[in-house]
Amino acid sequence: MVSMTSGCLTLDPTVTLGTADSSVFKGASTTDSVAAGKVDTRVTLTDGATTSEGVTQLNVIDATGKAVYKTPVESGETSVTLMLPTTGTVTIVAVNTVNGTVVETRNATITGKKVI
């Protein structure tokens, strides 16, 4: 018997990240063919996201406004893995934790074939 602690089972999840005119985000992708509760999502950052723009952390905010995932971003890093829900829309917020500012905010839409 398999026990899942949260969410549902989704086949072929895809993530669409709005990147038009972004100085921080280049794109997002997932290689998971099946996701249970969360989707491992690789977010690609621009070359200057951490150096020129000062991004030090990415936050994932759900539709209710709650932060559901946070991860630090190291200087020079251009690829970060985030855990996103299996379906719906979230906001990814690039922040500078040194001075407490929001650098950029983008929406990400997660779709897939919900099984359970």
PDB file of N, CA and C in Angstrom:
ATOM      1  N   MET A   1       0.833  -1.170   0.000  1.00  0.00           N
ATOM      2  CA  MET A   1       0.000   0.000   0.000  1.00  0.00           C
ATOM      3  C   MET A   1       0.882   1.239   0.000  1.00  0.00           C
ATOM      4  N   VAL A   2       0.563   2.192  -0.882  1.00  0.00           N
ATOM      5  CA  VAL A   2       1.324   3.435  -0.973  1.00  0.00           C
ATOM      6  C   VAL A   2       0.570   4.522  -0.240  1.00  0.00           C
ATOM      7  N   SER A   3       1.290   5.241   0.598  1.00  0.00           N
ATOM      8  CA  SER A   3       0.667   6.332   1.344  1.00  0.00           C
ATOM      9  C   SER A   3       1.258   7.648   0.881  1.00  0.00           C
ATOM     10  N   MET A   4       0.385   8.576   0.452  1.00  0.00           N
ATOM     11  CA  MET A   4       0.846   9.897   0.068  1.00  0.00           C
ATOM     12  C   MET A   4       0.425  10.879   1.153  1.00  0.00           C
ATOM     13  N   THR A   5       1.332  11.761   1.487  1.00  0.00           N
ATOM     14  CA  THR A   5       1.048  12.666   2.591  1.00  0.00           C
ATOM     15  C   THR A   5       0.294  13.920   2.170  1.00  0.00           C
ATOM     16  N   SER A   6       0.391  14.308   0.893  1.00  0.00           N
ATOM     17  CA  SER A   6      -0.327  15.509   0.485  1.00  0.00           C
ATOM     18  C   SER A   6      -0.561  15.501  -1.010  1.00  0.00           C
ATOM     19  N   GLY A   7      -1.578  16.231  -1.457  1.00  0.00           N
ATOM     20  CA  GLY A   7      -1.819  16.437  -2.867  1.00  0.00           C
ATOM     21  C   GLY A   7      -2.390  15.234  -3.565  1.00  0.00           C
ATOM     22  N   CYS A   8      -2.185  15.232  -4.870  1.00  0.00           N
ATOM     23  CA  CYS A   8      -2.745  14.187  -5.691  1.00  0.00           C
ATOM     24  C   CYS A   8      -1.680  13.684  -6.647  1.00  0.00           C
ATOM     25  N   LEU A   9      -2.040  12.661  -7.400  1.00  0.00           N
ATOM     26  CA  LEU A   9      -1.152  12.105  -8.403  1.00  0.00           C
ATOM     27  C   LEU A   9      -1.466  12.762  -9.732  1.00  0.00           C
ATOM     28  N   THR A  10      -0.460  13.317 -10.384  1.00  0.00           N
ATOM     29  CA  THR A  10      -0.639  14.007 -11.653  1.00  0.00           C
ATOM     30  C   THR A  10       0.339  13.454 -12.673  1.00  0.00           C
ATOM     31  N   LEU A  11      -0.177  13.164 -13.866  1.00  0.00           N
ATOM     32  CA  LEU A  11       0.658  12.675 -14.955  1.00  0.00           C
ATOM     33  C   LEU A  11       1.061  13.829 -15.866  1.00  0.00           C
ATOM     34  N   ASP A  12       2.268  13.748 -16.394  1.00  0.00           N
ATOM     35  CA  ASP A  12       2.798  14.727 -17.345  1.00  0.00           C
ATOM     36  C   ASP A  12       2.612  16.181 -16.909  1.00  0.00           C
ATOM     37  N   PRO A  13       3.081  16.523 -15.716  1.00  0.00           N
ATOM     38  CA  PRO A  13       2.939  17.921 -15.282  1.00  0.00           C
ATOM     39  C   PRO A  13       3.804  18.849 -16.137  1.00  0.00           C
ATOM     40  N   THR A  14       3.277  20.029 -16.415  1.00  0.00           N
ATOM     41  CA  THR A  14       4.038  21.053 -17.123  1.00  0.00           C
ATOM     42  C   THR A  14       3.933  22.364 -16.353  1.00  0.00           C
ATOM     43  N   VAL A  15       4.958  23.166 -16.467  1.00  0.00           N
ATOM     44  CA  VAL A  15       4.999  24.459 -15.782  1.00  0.00           C
ATOM     45  C   VAL A  15       5.244  25.547 -16.826  1.00  0.00           C
ATOM     46  N   THR A  16       4.382  26.543 -16.809  1.00  0.00           N
ATOM     47  CA  THR A  16       4.539  27.696 -17.688  1.00  0.00           C
ATOM     48  C   THR A  16       4.814  28.912 -16.816  1.00  0.00           C
ATOM     49  N   LEU A  17       5.954  29.534 -17.061  1.00  0.00           N
ATOM     50  CA  LEU A  17       6.369  30.700 -16.276  1.00  0.00           C
ATOM     51  C   LEU A  17       6.404  31.919 -17.176  1.00  0.00           C
ATOM     52  N   GLY A  18       5.716  32.975 -16.763  1.00  0.00           N
ATOM     53  CA  GLY A  18       5.736  34.222 -17.526  1.00  0.00           C
ATOM     54  C   GLY A  18       7.098  34.883 -17.417  1.00  0.00           C
ATOM     55  N   THR A  19       7.796  35.036 -18.553  1.00  0.00           N
ATOM     56  CA  THR A  19       9.149  35.592 -18.520  1.00  0.00           C
ATOM     57  C   THR A  19       9.317  36.820 -19.417  1.00  0.00           C
ATOM     58  N   ALA A  20       8.250  37.303 -20.034  1.00  0.00           N
ATOM     59  CA  ALA A  20       8.364  38.457 -20.935  1.00  0.00           C
ATOM     60  C   ALA A  20       8.968  39.657 -20.200  1.00  0.00           C
ATOM     61  N   ASP A  21       9.993  40.241 -20.789  1.00  0.00           N
ATOM     62  CA  ASP A  21      10.674  41.426 -20.241  1.00  0.00           C
ATOM     63  C   ASP A  21      11.238  41.206 -18.843  1.00  0.00           C
ATOM     64  N   SER A  22      11.578  39.975 -18.511  1.00  0.00           N
ATOM     65  CA  SER A  22      12.105  39.681 -17.181  1.00  0.00           C
ATOM     66  C   SER A  22      13.615  39.911 -17.128  1.00  0.00           C
ATOM     67  N   SER A  23      14.063  40.521 -16.043  1.00  0.00           N
ATOM     68  CA  SER A  23      15.503  40.679 -15.817  1.00  0.00           C
ATOM     69  C   SER A  23      16.034  39.594 -14.886  1.00  0.00           C
ATOM     70  N   VAL A  24      15.131  38.707 -14.430  1.00  0.00           N
ATOM     71  CA  VAL A  24      15.506  37.651 -13.486  1.00  0.00           C
ATOM     72  C   VAL A  24      15.249  36.249 -14.049  1.00  0.00           C
ATOM     73  N   PHE A  25      14.063  36.018 -14.590  1.00  0.00           N
ATOM     74  CA  PHE A  25      13.641  34.672 -14.987  1.00  0.00           C
ATOM     75  C   PHE A  25      13.788  34.426 -16.488  1.00  0.00           C
ATOM     76  N   LYS A  26      14.380  33.256 -16.844  1.00  0.00           N
ATOM     77  CA  LYS A  26      14.483  32.858 -18.250  1.00  0.00           C
ATOM     78  C   LYS A  26      13.439  31.809 -18.606  1.00  0.00           C
ATOM     79  N   GLY A  27      13.069  30.941 -17.649  1.00  0.00           N
ATOM     80  CA  GLY A  27      12.109  29.887 -17.945  1.00  0.00           C
ATOM     81  C   GLY A  27      11.976  28.900 -16.813  1.00  0.00           C
ATOM     82  N   ALA A  28      11.109  27.897 -17.041  1.00  0.00           N
ATOM     83  CA  ALA A  28      10.898  26.839 -16.052  1.00  0.00           C
ATOM     84  C   ALA A  28      10.596  25.548 -16.786  1.00  0.00           C
ATOM     85  N   SER A  29      11.017  24.441 -16.205  1.00  0.00           N
ATOM     86  CA  SER A  29      10.751  23.138 -16.810  1.00  0.00           C
ATOM     87  C   SER A  29      10.699  22.063 -15.738  1.00  0.00           C
ATOM     88  N   THR A  30      10.104  20.950 -16.118  1.00  0.00           N
ATOM     89  CA  THR A  30      10.094  19.788 -15.229  1.00  0.00           C
ATOM     90  C   THR A  30      10.341  18.551 -16.071  1.00  0.00           C
ATOM     91  N   THR A  31      11.020  17.587 -15.493  1.00  0.00           N
ATOM     92  CA  THR A  31      11.283  16.342 -16.203  1.00  0.00           C
ATOM     93  C   THR A  31      10.450  15.203 -15.628  1.00  0.00           C
ATOM     94  N   ASP A  32       9.651  15.509 -14.612  1.00  0.00           N
ATOM     95  CA  ASP A  32       8.811  14.483 -13.994  1.00  0.00           C
ATOM     96  C   ASP A  32       7.692  14.065 -14.938  1.00  0.00           C
ATOM     97  N   SER A  33       7.490  12.766 -15.090  1.00  0.00           N
ATOM     98  CA  SER A  33       6.340  12.290 -15.852  1.00  0.00           C
ATOM     99  C   SER A  33       5.168  12.002 -14.916  1.00  0.00           C
ATOM    100  N   VAL A  34       5.490  11.835 -13.627  1.00  0.00           N
ATOM    101  CA  VAL A  34       4.474  11.628 -12.602  1.00  0.00           C
ATOM    102  C   VAL A  34       4.863  12.471 -11.390  1.00  0.00           C
ATOM    103  N   ALA A  35       3.876  13.159 -10.828  1.00  0.00           N
ATOM    104  CA  ALA A  35       4.138  13.972  -9.636  1.00  0.00           C
ATOM    105  C   ALA A  35       3.114  13.636  -8.571  1.00  0.00           C
ATOM    106  N   ALA A  36       3.582  13.453  -7.358  1.00  0.00           N
ATOM    107  CA  ALA A  36       2.702  13.154  -6.225  1.00  0.00           C
ATOM    108  C   ALA A  36       2.779  14.305  -5.230  1.00  0.00           C
ATOM    109  N   GLY A  37       1.772  15.153  -5.233  1.00  0.00           N
ATOM    110  CA  GLY A  37       1.724  16.249  -4.278  1.00  0.00           C
ATOM    111  C   GLY A  37       2.485  17.491  -4.689  1.00  0.00           C
ATOM    112  N   LYS A  38       3.696  17.337  -5.185  1.00  0.00           N
ATOM    113  CA  LYS A  38       4.539  18.460  -5.593  1.00  0.00           C
ATOM    114  C   LYS A  38       5.275  18.112  -6.881  1.00  0.00           C
ATOM    115  N   VAL A  39       5.599  19.154  -7.659  1.00  0.00           N
ATOM    116  CA  VAL A  39       6.343  18.973  -8.902  1.00  0.00           C
ATOM    117  C   VAL A  39       7.728  19.608  -8.738  1.00  0.00           C
ATOM    118  N   ASP A  40       8.774  18.805  -8.941  1.00  0.00           N
ATOM    119  CA  ASP A  40      10.135  19.349  -8.964  1.00  0.00           C
ATOM    120  C   ASP A  40      10.262  20.198 -10.219  1.00  0.00           C
ATOM    121  N   THR A  41      10.532  21.483 -10.040  1.00  0.00           N
ATOM    122  CA  THR A  41      10.574  22.404 -11.166  1.00  0.00           C
ATOM    123  C   THR A  41      11.909  23.127 -11.202  1.00  0.00           C
ATOM    124  N   ARG A  42      12.563  23.068 -12.359  1.00  0.00           N
ATOM    125  CA  ARG A  42      13.821  23.780 -12.526  1.00  0.00           C
ATOM    126  C   ARG A  42      13.506  25.158 -13.088  1.00  0.00           C
ATOM    127  N   VAL A  43      13.876  26.184 -12.340  1.00  0.00           N
ATOM    128  CA  VAL A  43      13.692  27.564 -12.772  1.00  0.00           C
ATOM    129  C   VAL A  43      15.054  28.079 -13.231  1.00  0.00           C
ATOM    130  N   THR A  44      15.097  28.559 -14.474  1.00  0.00           N
ATOM    131  CA  THR A  44      16.331  29.093 -15.033  1.00  0.00           C
ATOM    132  C   THR A  44      16.333  30.607 -14.869  1.00  0.00           C
ATOM    133  N   LEU A  45      17.439  31.113 -14.336  1.00  0.00           N
ATOM    134  CA  LEU A  45      17.587  32.549 -14.082  1.00  0.00           C
ATOM    135  C   LEU A  45      18.511  33.184 -15.113  1.00  0.00           C
ATOM    136  N   THR A  46      18.356  34.479 -15.303  1.00  0.00           N
ATOM    137  CA  THR A  46      19.255  35.197 -16.197  1.00  0.00           C
ATOM    138  C   THR A  46      20.658  35.237 -15.589  1.00  0.00           C
ATOM    139  N   ASP A  47      21.636  35.501 -16.424  1.00  0.00           N
ATOM    140  CA  ASP A  47      23.020  35.559 -15.942  1.00  0.00           C
ATOM    141  C   ASP A  47      23.219  36.621 -14.869  1.00  0.00           C
ATOM    142  N   GLY A  48      22.458  37.708 -14.929  1.00  0.00           N
ATOM    143  CA  GLY A  48      22.621  38.789 -13.966  1.00  0.00           C
ATOM    144  C   GLY A  48      21.652  38.760 -12.799  1.00  0.00           C
ATOM    145  N   ALA A  49      20.863  37.712 -12.675  1.00  0.00           N
ATOM    146  CA  ALA A  49      19.836  37.666 -11.619  1.00  0.00           C
ATOM    147  C   ALA A  49      20.428  37.843 -10.224  1.00  0.00           C
ATOM    148  N   THR A  50      21.526  37.160  -9.948  1.00  0.00           N
ATOM    149  CA  THR A  50      22.110  37.250  -8.610  1.00  0.00           C
ATOM    150  C   THR A  50      23.171  38.338  -8.501  1.00  0.00           C
ATOM    151  N   THR A  51      23.810  38.665  -9.612  1.00  0.00           N
ATOM    152  CA  THR A  51      24.882  39.663  -9.554  1.00  0.00           C
ATOM    153  C   THR A  51      24.338  41.072  -9.782  1.00  0.00           C
ATOM    154  N   SER A  52      23.758  41.331 -10.934  1.00  0.00           N
ATOM    155  CA  SER A  52      23.250  42.674 -11.247  1.00  0.00           C
ATOM    156  C   SER A  52      21.970  42.999 -10.499  1.00  0.00           C
ATOM    157  N   GLU A  53      21.062  42.023 -10.408  1.00  0.00           N
ATOM    158  CA  GLU A  53      19.744  42.256  -9.812  1.00  0.00           C
ATOM    159  C   GLU A  53      19.715  42.018  -8.308  1.00  0.00           C
ATOM    160  N   GLY A  54      20.661  41.247  -7.773  1.00  0.00           N
ATOM    161  CA  GLY A  54      20.770  41.052  -6.330  1.00  0.00           C
ATOM    162  C   GLY A  54      19.839  40.011  -5.725  1.00  0.00           C
ATOM    163  N   VAL A  55      19.350  39.058  -6.534  1.00  0.00           N
ATOM    164  CA  VAL A  55      18.450  38.023  -6.016  1.00  0.00           C
ATOM    165  C   VAL A  55      19.213  37.084  -5.090  1.00  0.00           C
ATOM    166  N   THR A  56      18.666  36.841  -3.888  1.00  0.00           N
ATOM    167  CA  THR A  56      19.287  35.922  -2.933  1.00  0.00           C
ATOM    168  C   THR A  56      18.333  34.803  -2.512  1.00  0.00           C
ATOM    169  N   GLN A  57      17.068  34.900  -2.895  1.00  0.00           N
ATOM    170  CA  GLN A  57      16.082  33.883  -2.497  1.00  0.00           C
ATOM    171  C   GLN A  57      14.895  33.909  -3.456  1.00  0.00           C
ATOM    172  N   LEU A  58      14.305  32.721  -3.686  1.00  0.00           N
ATOM    173  CA  LEU A  58      13.052  32.619  -4.428  1.00  0.00           C
ATOM    174  C   LEU A  58      11.988  32.095  -3.480  1.00  0.00           C
ATOM    175  N   ASN A  59      10.829  32.743  -3.488  1.00  0.00           N
ATOM    176  CA  ASN A  59       9.693  32.329  -2.671  1.00  0.00           C
ATOM    177  C   ASN A  59       8.554  31.909  -3.590  1.00  0.00           C
ATOM    178  N   VAL A  60       7.833  30.868  -3.199  1.00  0.00           N
ATOM    179  CA  VAL A  60       6.647  30.422  -3.928  1.00  0.00           C
ATOM    180  C   VAL A  60       5.435  30.759  -3.077  1.00  0.00           C
ATOM    181  N   ILE A  61       4.516  31.537  -3.654  1.00  0.00           N
ATOM    182  CA  ILE A  61       3.317  31.975  -2.950  1.00  0.00           C
ATOM    183  C   ILE A  61       2.103  31.348  -3.615  1.00  0.00           C
ATOM    184  N   ASP A  62       1.236  30.689  -2.828  1.00  0.00           N
ATOM    185  CA  ASP A  62       0.055  30.049  -3.414  1.00  0.00           C
ATOM    186  C   ASP A  62      -1.076  31.058  -3.611  1.00  0.00           C
ATOM    187  N   ALA A  63      -2.203  30.576  -4.115  1.00  0.00           N
ATOM    188  CA  ALA A  63      -3.341  31.447  -4.447  1.00  0.00           C
ATOM    189  C   ALA A  63      -3.937  32.148  -3.225  1.00  0.00           C
ATOM    190  N   THR A  64      -3.690  31.613  -2.032  1.00  0.00           N
ATOM    191  CA  THR A  64      -4.219  32.235  -0.815  1.00  0.00           C
ATOM    192  C   THR A  64      -3.257  33.271  -0.236  1.00  0.00           C
ATOM    193  N   GLY A  65      -2.086  33.420  -0.860  1.00  0.00           N
ATOM    194  CA  GLY A  65      -1.101  34.376  -0.373  1.00  0.00           C
ATOM    195  C   GLY A  65      -0.106  33.794   0.614  1.00  0.00           C
ATOM    196  N   LYS A  66      -0.148  32.489   0.805  1.00  0.00           N
ATOM    197  CA  LYS A  66       0.739  31.822   1.754  1.00  0.00           C
ATOM    198  C   LYS A  66       2.030  31.367   1.066  1.00  0.00           C
ATOM    199  N   ALA A  67       3.173  31.621   1.711  1.00  0.00           N
ATOM    200  CA  ALA A  67       4.448  31.128   1.203  1.00  0.00           C
ATOM    201  C   ALA A  67       4.506  29.618   1.422  1.00  0.00           C
ATOM    202  N   VAL A  68       4.618  28.864   0.337  1.00  0.00           N
ATOM    203  CA  VAL A  68       4.612  27.404   0.442  1.00  0.00           C
ATOM    204  C   VAL A  68       5.990  26.783   0.216  1.00  0.00           C
ATOM    205  N   TYR A  69       6.928  27.577  -0.278  1.00  0.00           N
ATOM    206  CA  TYR A  69       8.279  27.062  -0.502  1.00  0.00           C
ATOM    207  C   TYR A  69       9.233  28.242  -0.635  1.00  0.00           C
ATOM    208  N   LYS A  70      10.427  28.097  -0.083  1.00  0.00           N
ATOM    209  CA  LYS A  70      11.475  29.119  -0.186  1.00  0.00           C
ATOM    210  C   LYS A  70      12.798  28.407  -0.411  1.00  0.00           C
ATOM    211  N   THR A  71      13.661  29.012  -1.205  1.00  0.00           N
ATOM    212  CA  THR A  71      14.992  28.451  -1.378  1.00  0.00           C
ATOM    213  C   THR A  71      16.000  29.575  -1.610  1.00  0.00           C
ATOM    214  N   PRO A  72      17.174  29.456  -1.006  1.00  0.00           N
ATOM    215  CA  PRO A  72      18.205  30.468  -1.236  1.00  0.00           C
ATOM    216  C   PRO A  72      18.786  30.334  -2.644  1.00  0.00           C
ATOM    217  N   VAL A  73      19.308  31.443  -3.160  1.00  0.00           N
ATOM    218  CA  VAL A  73      19.974  31.460  -4.458  1.00  0.00           C
ATOM    219  C   VAL A  73      21.378  32.011  -4.231  1.00  0.00           C
ATOM    220  N   GLU A  74      22.366  31.234  -4.629  1.00  0.00           N
ATOM    221  CA  GLU A  74      23.761  31.644  -4.432  1.00  0.00           C
ATOM    222  C   GLU A  74      24.212  32.586  -5.546  1.00  0.00           C
ATOM    223  N   SER A  75      25.166  33.431  -5.260  1.00  0.00           N
ATOM    224  CA  SER A  75      25.704  34.347  -6.255  1.00  0.00           C
ATOM    225  C   SER A  75      26.241  33.563  -7.455  1.00  0.00           C
ATOM    226  N   GLY A  76      25.833  33.963  -8.654  1.00  0.00           N
ATOM    227  CA  GLY A  76      26.255  33.296  -9.883  1.00  0.00           C
ATOM    228  C   GLY A  76      25.391  32.119 -10.297  1.00  0.00           C
ATOM    229  N   GLU A  77      24.478  31.692  -9.441  1.00  0.00           N
ATOM    230  CA  GLU A  77      23.618  30.550  -9.746  1.00  0.00           C
ATOM    231  C   GLU A  77      22.590  30.943 -10.816  1.00  0.00           C
ATOM    232  N   THR A  78      22.413  30.084 -11.821  1.00  0.00           N
ATOM    233  CA  THR A  78      21.462  30.378 -12.896  1.00  0.00           C
ATOM    234  C   THR A  78      20.377  29.311 -13.032  1.00  0.00           C
ATOM    235  N   SER A  79      20.363  28.343 -12.130  1.00  0.00           N
ATOM    236  CA  SER A  79      19.338  27.305 -12.149  1.00  0.00           C
ATOM    237  C   SER A  79      19.017  26.899 -10.711  1.00  0.00           C
ATOM    238  N   VAL A  80      17.721  26.917 -10.392  1.00  0.00           N
ATOM    239  CA  VAL A  80      17.268  26.608  -9.037  1.00  0.00           C
ATOM    240  C   VAL A  80      16.093  25.650  -9.128  1.00  0.00           C
ATOM    241  N   THR A  81      16.028  24.665  -8.224  1.00  0.00           N
ATOM    242  CA  THR A  81      14.903  23.750  -8.195  1.00  0.00           C
ATOM    243  C   THR A  81      13.905  24.196  -7.135  1.00  0.00           C
ATOM    244  N   LEU A  82      12.647  24.327  -7.559  1.00  0.00           N
ATOM    245  CA  LEU A  82      11.553  24.685  -6.659  1.00  0.00           C
ATOM    246  C   LEU A  82      10.548  23.548  -6.615  1.00  0.00           C
ATOM    247  N   MET A  83       9.847  23.429  -5.504  1.00  0.00           N
ATOM    248  CA  MET A  83       8.753  22.472  -5.377  1.00  0.00           C
ATOM    249  C   MET A  83       7.447  23.239  -5.569  1.00  0.00           C
ATOM    250  N   LEU A  84       6.696  22.898  -6.617  1.00  0.00           N
ATOM    251  CA  LEU A  84       5.440  23.564  -6.907  1.00  0.00           C
ATOM    252  C   LEU A  84       4.292  22.582  -6.758  1.00  0.00           C
ATOM    253  N   PRO A  85       3.069  23.070  -6.519  1.00  0.00           N
ATOM    254  CA  PRO A  85       1.919  22.171  -6.445  1.00  0.00           C
ATOM    255  C   PRO A  85       1.694  21.503  -7.801  1.00  0.00           C
ATOM    256  N   THR A  86       0.922  20.432  -7.828  1.00  0.00           N
ATOM    257  CA  THR A  86       0.734  19.678  -9.066  1.00  0.00           C
ATOM    258  C   THR A  86      -0.190  20.351 -10.069  1.00  0.00           C
ATOM    259  N   THR A  87      -1.042  21.240  -9.631  1.00  0.00           N
ATOM    260  CA  THR A  87      -1.895  22.006 -10.543  1.00  0.00           C
ATOM    261  C   THR A  87      -2.171  23.378  -9.946  1.00  0.00           C
ATOM    262  N   GLY A  88      -2.558  24.323 -10.806  1.00  0.00           N
ATOM    263  CA  GLY A  88      -2.927  25.648 -10.327  1.00  0.00           C
ATOM    264  C   GLY A  88      -1.914  26.712 -10.710  1.00  0.00           C
ATOM    265  N   THR A  89      -2.053  27.859 -10.094  1.00  0.00           N
ATOM    266  CA  THR A  89      -1.168  28.991 -10.360  1.00  0.00           C
ATOM    267  C   THR A  89      -0.533  29.456  -9.057  1.00  0.00           C
ATOM    268  N   VAL A  90       0.754  29.710  -9.116  1.00  0.00           N
ATOM    269  CA  VAL A  90       1.483  30.248  -7.972  1.00  0.00           C
ATOM    270  C   VAL A  90       2.242  31.483  -8.431  1.00  0.00           C
ATOM    271  N   THR A  91       2.719  32.241  -7.490  1.00  0.00           N
ATOM    272  CA  THR A  91       3.562  33.398  -7.778  1.00  0.00           C
ATOM    273  C   THR A  91       4.963  33.083  -7.280  1.00  0.00           C
ATOM    274  N   ILE A  92       5.935  33.289  -8.145  1.00  0.00           N
ATOM    275  CA  ILE A  92       7.332  33.117  -7.747  1.00  0.00           C
ATOM    276  C   ILE A  92       7.918  34.504  -7.549  1.00  0.00           C
ATOM    277  N   VAL A  93       8.432  34.731  -6.355  1.00  0.00           N
ATOM    278  CA  VAL A  93       8.946  36.045  -5.987  1.00  0.00           C
ATOM    279  C   VAL A  93      10.455  35.955  -5.794  1.00  0.00           C
ATOM    280  N   ALA A  94      11.176  36.752  -6.567  1.00  0.00           N
ATOM    281  CA  ALA A  94      12.627  36.854  -6.415  1.00  0.00           C
ATOM    282  C   ALA A  94      12.895  37.999  -5.442  1.00  0.00           C
ATOM    283  N   VAL A  95      13.615  37.691  -4.371  1.00  0.00           N
ATOM    284  CA  VAL A  95      13.852  38.709  -3.352  1.00  0.00           C
ATOM    285  C   VAL A  95      15.338  38.864  -3.048  1.00  0.00           C
ATOM    286  N   ASN A  96      15.656  40.026  -2.519  1.00  0.00           N
ATOM    287  CA  ASN A  96      16.984  40.301  -1.996  1.00  0.00           C
ATOM    288  C   ASN A  96      16.819  40.333  -0.482  1.00  0.00           C
ATOM    289  N   THR A  97      17.286  39.280   0.195  1.00  0.00           N
ATOM    290  CA  THR A  97      17.101  39.185   1.641  1.00  0.00           C
ATOM    291  C   THR A  97      18.056  40.097   2.408  1.00  0.00           C
ATOM    292  N   VAL A  98      19.075  40.615   1.739  1.00  0.00           N
ATOM    293  CA  VAL A  98      20.030  41.506   2.398  1.00  0.00           C
ATOM    294  C   VAL A  98      19.371  42.844   2.705  1.00  0.00           C
ATOM    295  N   ASN A  99      18.655  43.406   1.709  1.00  0.00           N
ATOM    296  CA  ASN A  99      18.020  44.705   1.935  1.00  0.00           C
ATOM    297  C   ASN A  99      16.491  44.615   2.037  1.00  0.00           C
ATOM    298  N   GLY A 100      15.946  43.389   1.973  1.00  0.00           N
ATOM    299  CA  GLY A 100      14.518  43.187   2.178  1.00  0.00           C
ATOM    300  C   GLY A 100      13.622  43.648   1.049  1.00  0.00           C
ATOM    301  N   THR A 101      14.139  43.648  -0.186  1.00  0.00           N
ATOM    302  CA  THR A 101      13.332  44.126  -1.308  1.00  0.00           C
ATOM    303  C   THR A 101      12.885  42.986  -2.220  1.00  0.00           C
ATOM    304  N   VAL A 102      11.751  43.200  -2.867  1.00  0.00           N
ATOM    305  CA  VAL A 102      11.280  42.290  -3.909  1.00  0.00           C
ATOM    306  C   VAL A 102      11.909  42.758  -5.214  1.00  0.00           C
ATOM    307  N   VAL A 103      12.642  41.869  -5.869  1.00  0.00           N
ATOM    308  CA  VAL A 103      13.311  42.212  -7.115  1.00  0.00           C
ATOM    309  C   VAL A 103      12.348  42.040  -8.293  1.00  0.00           C
ATOM    310  N   GLU A 104      11.610  40.922  -8.307  1.00  0.00           N
ATOM    311  CA  GLU A 104      10.675  40.669  -9.396  1.00  0.00           C
ATOM    312  C   GLU A 104       9.676  39.592  -8.985  1.00  0.00           C
ATOM    313  N   THR A 105       8.480  39.679  -9.552  1.00  0.00           N
ATOM    314  CA  THR A 105       7.412  38.724  -9.267  1.00  0.00           C
ATOM    315  C   THR A 105       6.854  38.203 -10.580  1.00  0.00           C
ATOM    316  N   ARG A 106       6.690  36.871 -10.683  1.00  0.00           N
ATOM    317  CA  ARG A 106       6.149  36.250 -11.892  1.00  0.00           C
ATOM    318  C   ARG A 106       5.175  35.141 -11.522  1.00  0.00           C
ATOM    319  N   ASN A 107       4.153  34.948 -12.368  1.00  0.00           N
ATOM    320  CA  ASN A 107       3.207  33.862 -12.163  1.00  0.00           C
ATOM    321  C   ASN A 107       3.662  32.609 -12.899  1.00  0.00           C
ATOM    322  N   ALA A 108       3.406  31.467 -12.276  1.00  0.00           N
ATOM    323  CA  ALA A 108       3.672  30.176 -12.900  1.00  0.00           C
ATOM    324  C   ALA A 108       2.386  29.352 -12.852  1.00  0.00           C
ATOM    325  N   THR A 109       2.060  28.740 -13.977  1.00  0.00           N
ATOM    326  CA  THR A 109       0.861  27.885 -14.063  1.00  0.00           C
ATOM    327  C   THR A 109       1.304  26.443 -14.230  1.00  0.00           C
ATOM    328  N   ILE A 110       0.758  25.572 -13.390  1.00  0.00           N
ATOM    329  CA  ILE A 110       1.107  24.152 -13.408  1.00  0.00           C
ATOM    330  C   ILE A 110      -0.119  23.389 -13.885  1.00  0.00           C
ATOM    331  N   THR A 111       0.071  22.570 -14.917  1.00  0.00           N
ATOM    332  CA  THR A 111      -1.022  21.765 -15.455  1.00  0.00           C
ATOM    333  C   THR A 111      -0.563  20.312 -15.577  1.00  0.00           C
ATOM    334  N   GLY A 112      -1.524  19.427 -15.709  1.00  0.00           N
ATOM    335  CA  GLY A 112      -1.235  18.009 -15.878  1.00  0.00           C
ATOM    336  C   GLY A 112      -2.531  17.231 -15.826  1.00  0.00           C
ATOM    337  N   LYS A 113      -2.420  15.935 -16.017  1.00  0.00           N
ATOM    338  CA  LYS A 113      -3.586  15.057 -15.979  1.00  0.00           C
ATOM    339  C   LYS A 113      -3.748  14.510 -14.564  1.00  0.00           C
ATOM    340  N   LYS A 114      -4.735  15.041 -13.843  1.00  0.00           N
ATOM    341  CA  LYS A 114      -4.962  14.627 -12.466  1.00  0.00           C
ATOM    342  C   LYS A 114      -5.550  13.216 -12.451  1.00  0.00           C
ATOM    343  N   VAL A 115      -4.921  12.316 -11.677  1.00  0.00           N
ATOM    344  CA  VAL A 115      -5.388  10.941 -11.584  1.00  0.00           C
ATOM    345  C   VAL A 115      -6.162  10.713 -10.307  1.00  0.00           C
ATOM    346  N   ILE A 116      -5.616  11.176  -9.196  1.00  0.00           N
ATOM    347  CA  ILE A 116      -6.258  10.966  -7.899  1.00  0.00           C
ATOM    348  C   ILE A 116      -6.450  12.300  -7.231  1.00  0.00           C
TER     349      ILE A 116
END
